[in-house]
Amino acid sequence: MSGRAVPLFLLFLCLTLGSVQN
């Protein structure tokens, strides 16, 4: 993984979890 792929993956994961909780 590149240094840019990790934060993007974490951001996407946070958005997904937020959508599920709401």
N, C-alpha and C. Protein backbone atom coordinates (compact mmCIF):
# COMPACT_ATOMS: atom_id res chain seq x y z
N MET A 1 0.84 -1.21 0.00
CA MET A 1 0.00 0.00 0.00
C MET A 1 0.87 1.26 0.00
N SER A 2 0.41 2.25 -0.72
CA SER A 2 1.13 3.52 -0.73
C SER A 2 0.72 4.35 0.47
N GLY A 3 1.47 5.41 0.76
CA GLY A 3 1.16 6.25 1.93
C GLY A 3 -0.17 6.94 1.80
N ARG A 4 -0.68 7.06 0.58
CA ARG A 4 -1.93 7.78 0.34
C ARG A 4 -3.14 6.84 0.45
N ALA A 5 -2.92 5.56 0.22
CA ALA A 5 -4.03 4.61 0.22
C ALA A 5 -4.57 4.36 1.63
N VAL A 6 -3.68 4.40 2.62
CA VAL A 6 -4.11 4.09 3.99
C VAL A 6 -5.09 5.13 4.54
N PRO A 7 -4.78 6.44 4.54
CA PRO A 7 -5.72 7.44 5.07
C PRO A 7 -7.02 7.47 4.29
N LEU A 8 -6.98 7.23 2.98
CA LEU A 8 -8.20 7.21 2.19
C LEU A 8 -9.08 6.03 2.60
N PHE A 9 -8.45 4.88 2.87
CA PHE A 9 -9.19 3.71 3.31
C PHE A 9 -9.83 3.95 4.67
N LEU A 10 -9.09 4.57 5.58
CA LEU A 10 -9.61 4.87 6.91
C LEU A 10 -10.77 5.85 6.82
N LEU A 11 -10.66 6.85 5.96
CA LEU A 11 -11.72 7.83 5.78
C LEU A 11 -12.98 7.16 5.25
N PHE A 12 -12.81 6.30 4.26
CA PHE A 12 -13.94 5.58 3.69
C PHE A 12 -14.60 4.68 4.73
N LEU A 13 -13.79 4.05 5.56
CA LEU A 13 -14.31 3.18 6.60
C LEU A 13 -15.12 3.98 7.62
N CYS A 14 -14.61 5.14 8.02
CA CYS A 14 -15.32 6.00 8.98
C CYS A 14 -16.65 6.46 8.40
N LEU A 15 -16.68 6.82 7.14
CA LEU A 15 -17.91 7.27 6.49
C LEU A 15 -18.92 6.13 6.43
N THR A 16 -18.44 4.93 6.15
CA THR A 16 -19.33 3.77 6.07
C THR A 16 -19.94 3.46 7.43
N LEU A 17 -19.11 3.48 8.48
CA LEU A 17 -19.60 3.20 9.83
C LEU A 17 -20.59 4.27 10.26
N GLY A 18 -20.33 5.52 9.90
CA GLY A 18 -21.23 6.61 10.26
C GLY A 18 -22.59 6.44 9.58
N SER A 19 -22.59 5.98 8.34
CA SER A 19 -23.84 5.79 7.62
C SER A 19 -24.65 4.66 8.24
N VAL A 20 -23.97 3.62 8.70
CA VAL A 20 -24.66 2.48 9.30
C VAL A 20 -25.29 2.88 10.64
N GLN A 21 -24.55 3.66 11.44
CA GLN A 21 -25.05 4.06 12.76
C GLN A 21 -26.24 4.99 12.63
N ASN A 22 -26.20 5.87 11.62
CA ASN A 22 -27.33 6.79 11.43
C ASN A 22 -28.42 6.02 10.73
